[in-house]
Amino acid sequence: MLKVLFYHANDSPPSDPRVNNILYLSLASLYLKTYIEVNYPDIGKELDWILPIQSKLSDNELVKIINEEKPDVLCTSHFVWNNNFLKEQLHRLKNKLPSHLIIVAGGPSIDVNINQNFFNENFFANYAIYGPGEVAFADLMRHLVTNKKIYAFNVSNLAWVNEDQKQIVSNYKYVPQSQISPFLFNKDYFATMVKHEQNAGLRVIIPYELTRGCPYSCTF
């Protein structure tokens, strides 16, 4: 089994009860888990999804959880509000984390498709996913589970450094919104995620994706 842990590093809720301790739940692992189990059930059976870490942790807290949970893959979600925090923390901790740990960086703030020095600047990352993540993450998990080599021509939205230390970036692929609800397909996993945060005294706000991409077909 390949153990997968997501670290979202959302802002920690304030301790002042007047602010109601609200947490906006990150659901990347729920969507990716569902996509893999629907489309690649054999691969899905080989993955053990550790309950994701929602809030920012201190260096010591993150190292402690990784040592306790012993994930094989650590996935980090990079957004404008946490990108600098995550990059700085992972740079500090790279040499303190298990050498076998595979770190996958994904999210809107990952610019590997336009930054030829991405892996030099972000040496903590083994892989990077840009754009829609479902297909890229599934391709990566298939590679890690089966130990078959990946090539740029048969994957998409995925980047890595090859054996010649060259940055490889596969082509972009649009991934349509799934017609299968991850909330229903993985209802037990979803409920456990919510209950875990509620047990910590947080009010959980759940985002719900209605459309994907700009409805006006904008390009940038």
Protein backbone atom coordinates (compact mmCIF):
# COMPACT_ATOMS: atom_id res chain seq x y z
CA MET A 1 0.00 0.00 0.00
CA LEU A 2 1.10 3.52 -0.84
CA LYS A 3 0.26 5.96 1.96
CA VAL A 4 -0.79 9.42 0.76
CA LEU A 5 -0.97 12.52 2.98
CA PHE A 6 -2.27 15.95 1.90
CA TYR A 7 -1.05 19.10 3.66
CA HIS A 8 -3.25 22.10 2.79
CA ALA A 9 -1.73 24.64 5.20
CA ASN A 10 -4.85 26.77 5.52
CA ASP A 11 -4.58 29.68 7.92
CA SER A 12 -5.01 28.47 11.46
CA PRO A 13 -8.32 29.67 12.92
CA PRO A 14 -8.00 32.36 15.59
CA SER A 15 -8.46 31.32 19.19
CA ASP A 16 -10.89 34.16 19.87
CA PRO A 17 -14.34 32.44 20.12
CA ARG A 18 -16.01 35.60 18.84
CA VAL A 19 -14.59 34.78 15.39
CA ASN A 20 -16.38 31.42 15.54
CA ASN A 21 -13.27 29.38 14.56
CA ILE A 22 -14.29 28.90 10.93
CA LEU A 23 -12.37 26.51 8.69
CA TYR A 24 -12.85 26.38 4.93
CA LEU A 25 -12.34 22.71 4.21
CA SER A 26 -9.91 21.80 1.41
CA LEU A 27 -11.20 18.89 -0.65
CA ALA A 28 -8.42 18.06 -3.13
CA SER A 29 -7.86 14.59 -1.70
CA LEU A 30 -11.60 13.85 -1.85
CA TYR A 31 -11.79 14.74 -5.56
CA LEU A 32 -8.58 12.91 -6.48
CA LYS A 33 -9.46 9.83 -4.45
CA THR A 34 -12.83 9.64 -6.18
CA TYR A 35 -11.37 10.12 -9.66
CA ILE A 36 -8.85 7.32 -9.17
CA GLU A 37 -11.31 4.89 -7.59
CA VAL A 38 -13.85 5.45 -10.38
CA ASN A 39 -11.42 5.30 -13.30
CA TYR A 40 -8.57 3.15 -11.98
CA PRO A 41 -10.02 0.90 -9.26
CA ASP A 42 -6.98 -1.41 -9.28
CA ILE A 43 -4.72 1.54 -8.46
CA GLY A 44 -7.23 2.84 -5.92
CA LYS A 45 -6.94 -0.41 -3.97
CA GLU A 46 -3.22 0.20 -3.57
CA LEU A 47 -3.61 3.65 -1.98
CA ASP A 48 -4.09 4.41 1.70
CA TRP A 49 -5.41 7.96 2.14
CA ILE A 50 -4.33 9.46 5.46
CA LEU A 51 -6.71 12.08 6.84
CA PRO A 52 -5.50 15.39 5.31
CA ILE A 53 -3.91 18.14 7.38
CA GLN A 54 -6.05 21.22 6.91
CA SER A 55 -4.33 23.96 8.92
CA LYS A 56 -0.81 25.37 8.95
CA LEU A 57 1.54 23.53 11.29
CA SER A 58 4.82 24.48 12.87
CA ASP A 59 7.94 22.76 11.57
CA ASN A 60 8.07 20.46 14.59
CA GLU A 61 4.38 19.59 14.33
CA LEU A 62 4.66 18.67 10.65
CA VAL A 63 7.75 16.53 11.17
CA LYS A 64 6.07 14.80 14.11
CA ILE A 65 2.97 13.88 12.10
CA ILE A 66 5.03 12.63 9.16
CA ASN A 67 7.12 10.46 11.48
CA GLU A 68 3.98 9.10 13.13
CA GLU A 69 1.85 8.53 10.01
CA LYS A 70 4.77 7.44 7.81
CA PRO A 71 3.35 8.55 4.43
CA ASP A 72 5.07 7.55 1.20
CA VAL A 73 3.72 10.62 -0.63
CA LEU A 74 3.22 14.12 0.77
CA CYS A 75 1.01 16.38 -1.36
CA THR A 76 1.02 20.13 -0.77
CA SER A 77 -1.67 22.55 -2.01
CA HIS A 78 -0.25 25.89 -3.14
CA PHE A 79 -2.51 28.95 -3.30
CA VAL A 80 -1.79 32.67 -3.20
CA TRP A 81 -2.46 32.76 0.55
CA ASN A 82 -0.12 29.91 1.54
CA ASN A 83 2.41 29.48 -1.27
CA ASN A 84 5.25 31.40 0.36
CA PHE A 85 4.63 29.77 3.72
CA LEU A 86 4.68 26.27 2.23
CA LYS A 87 7.77 26.82 0.11
CA GLU A 88 9.74 28.32 2.98
CA GLN A 89 8.68 25.57 5.38
CA LEU A 90 9.45 22.73 2.98
CA HIS A 91 12.84 24.22 2.13
CA ARG A 92 13.67 24.32 5.83
CA LEU A 93 12.47 20.77 6.45
CA LYS A 94 13.68 18.93 3.34
CA ASN A 95 16.70 17.43 5.11
CA LYS A 96 14.65 16.58 8.20
CA LEU A 97 12.06 14.51 6.33
CA PRO A 98 12.48 10.81 5.48
CA SER A 99 14.64 10.39 2.38
CA HIS A 100 12.08 8.09 0.73
CA LEU A 101 9.24 10.63 1.08
CA ILE A 102 7.95 11.80 -2.31
CA ILE A 103 6.71 15.40 -2.27
CA VAL A 104 4.15 16.47 -4.87
CA ALA A 105 3.38 20.19 -5.18
CA GLY A 106 0.10 21.20 -6.81
CA GLY A 107 -2.41 24.02 -6.93
CA PRO A 108 -3.04 27.34 -8.72
CA SER A 109 0.26 28.89 -7.57
CA ILE A 110 2.39 26.17 -9.16
CA ASP A 111 4.02 27.79 -12.20
CA VAL A 112 6.19 24.92 -13.42
CA ASN A 113 4.65 25.22 -16.91
CA ILE A 114 6.11 28.71 -17.36
CA ASN A 115 9.10 28.56 -15.00
CA GLN A 116 12.06 26.68 -16.44
CA ASN A 117 13.84 26.86 -13.07
CA PHE A 118 10.92 25.59 -10.99
CA PHE A 119 12.70 22.56 -9.50
CA ASN A 120 15.90 24.50 -8.88
CA GLU A 121 13.91 27.10 -6.97
CA ASN A 122 11.73 24.48 -5.26
CA PHE A 123 14.19 21.66 -4.64
CA PHE A 124 11.91 20.11 -2.03
CA ALA A 125 9.48 18.91 -4.73
CA ASN A 126 9.87 15.62 -6.60
CA TYR A 127 6.86 16.25 -8.83
CA ALA A 128 4.65 19.23 -9.66
CA ILE A 129 1.09 19.33 -10.97
CA TYR A 130 -0.30 22.39 -12.72
CA GLY A 131 -3.85 23.03 -13.88
CA PRO A 132 -6.56 20.41 -13.27
CA GLY A 133 -5.07 17.68 -11.11
CA GLU A 134 -7.21 14.58 -11.50
CA VAL A 135 -5.57 13.04 -14.58
CA ALA A 136 -2.05 14.11 -13.63
CA PHE A 137 -2.36 12.73 -10.10
CA ALA A 138 -3.83 9.47 -11.36
CA ASP A 139 -0.97 9.14 -13.86
CA LEU A 140 1.54 9.77 -11.08
CA MET A 141 -0.03 7.25 -8.72
CA ARG A 142 -0.05 4.62 -11.49
CA HIS A 143 3.64 5.29 -12.01
CA LEU A 144 4.45 4.98 -8.31
CA VAL A 145 2.32 1.87 -7.74
CA THR A 146 3.43 -0.03 -10.84
CA ASN A 147 6.98 1.38 -10.95
CA LYS A 148 6.63 1.92 -14.70
CA LYS A 149 8.50 4.84 -16.20
CA ILE A 150 6.53 7.91 -17.20
CA TYR A 151 7.09 9.92 -20.36
CA ALA A 152 5.94 13.43 -21.22
CA PHE A 153 3.96 12.22 -24.23
CA ASN A 154 1.66 9.90 -22.26
CA VAL A 155 0.86 12.09 -19.24
CA SER A 156 -0.46 15.63 -18.87
CA ASN A 157 -0.25 18.57 -16.43
CA LEU A 158 2.67 16.87 -14.68
CA ALA A 159 6.33 17.85 -14.28
CA TRP A 160 9.46 16.25 -12.84
CA VAL A 161 13.24 16.10 -13.18
CA ASN A 162 14.56 13.20 -15.24
CA GLU A 163 17.71 11.13 -14.72
CA ASP A 164 19.71 13.74 -16.68
CA GLN A 165 18.57 16.45 -14.23
CA LYS A 166 16.45 18.04 -16.93
CA GLN A 167 13.08 19.54 -16.06
CA ILE A 168 10.31 17.71 -17.93
CA VAL A 169 6.89 19.34 -18.29
CA SER A 170 4.11 17.44 -20.01
CA ASN A 171 1.48 19.24 -22.08
CA TYR A 172 -1.58 20.88 -20.57
CA LYS A 173 -4.89 19.03 -20.72
CA TYR A 174 -8.31 20.35 -19.81
CA VAL A 175 -10.17 18.02 -17.46
CA PRO A 176 -13.97 18.40 -17.45
CA GLN A 177 -15.90 18.48 -14.22
CA SER A 178 -16.80 15.02 -12.99
CA GLN A 179 -20.41 13.91 -13.22
CA ILE A 180 -19.92 11.72 -10.13
CA SER A 181 -20.27 13.46 -6.78
CA PRO A 182 -17.22 12.84 -4.59
CA PHE A 183 -19.36 13.73 -1.57
CA LEU A 184 -21.60 10.74 -2.25
CA PHE A 185 -19.08 8.34 -3.77
CA ASN A 186 -16.68 8.76 -0.82
CA LYS A 187 -19.22 9.79 1.79
CA ASP A 188 -17.50 7.98 4.67
CA TYR A 189 -14.13 9.57 3.92
CA PHE A 190 -15.78 12.97 3.52
CA ALA A 191 -17.74 12.61 6.77
CA THR A 192 -14.58 11.64 8.64
CA MET A 193 -12.78 14.73 7.33
CA VAL A 194 -15.58 17.00 8.52
CA LYS A 195 -16.04 15.28 11.88
CA HIS A 196 -12.31 15.46 12.62
CA GLU A 197 -12.32 19.25 12.30
CA GLN A 198 -15.59 19.62 14.18
CA ASN A 199 -14.16 17.59 17.05
CA ALA A 200 -11.39 20.19 17.22
CA GLY A 201 -14.03 22.84 17.86
CA LEU A 202 -14.13 24.31 14.36
CA ARG A 203 -17.09 25.41 12.26
CA VAL A 204 -16.51 23.73 8.92
CA ILE A 205 -17.42 25.55 5.71
CA ILE A 206 -17.64 23.20 2.71
CA PRO A 207 -16.92 24.53 -0.82
CA TYR A 208 -18.94 23.08 -3.68
CA GLU A 209 -17.78 23.20 -7.29
CA LEU A 210 -20.56 24.17 -9.72
CA THR A 211 -18.52 24.92 -12.83
CA ARG A 212 -14.91 24.53 -13.91
CA GLY A 213 -13.07 27.27 -15.76
CA CYS A 214 -14.30 30.63 -16.91
CA PRO A 215 -17.89 30.54 -18.26
CA TYR A 216 -16.88 33.18 -20.81
CA SER A 217 -13.95 31.09 -22.15
CA CYS A 218 -11.43 33.67 -20.95
CA THR A 219 -7.76 33.01 -21.58
CA PHE A 220 -4.77 34.63 -19.92
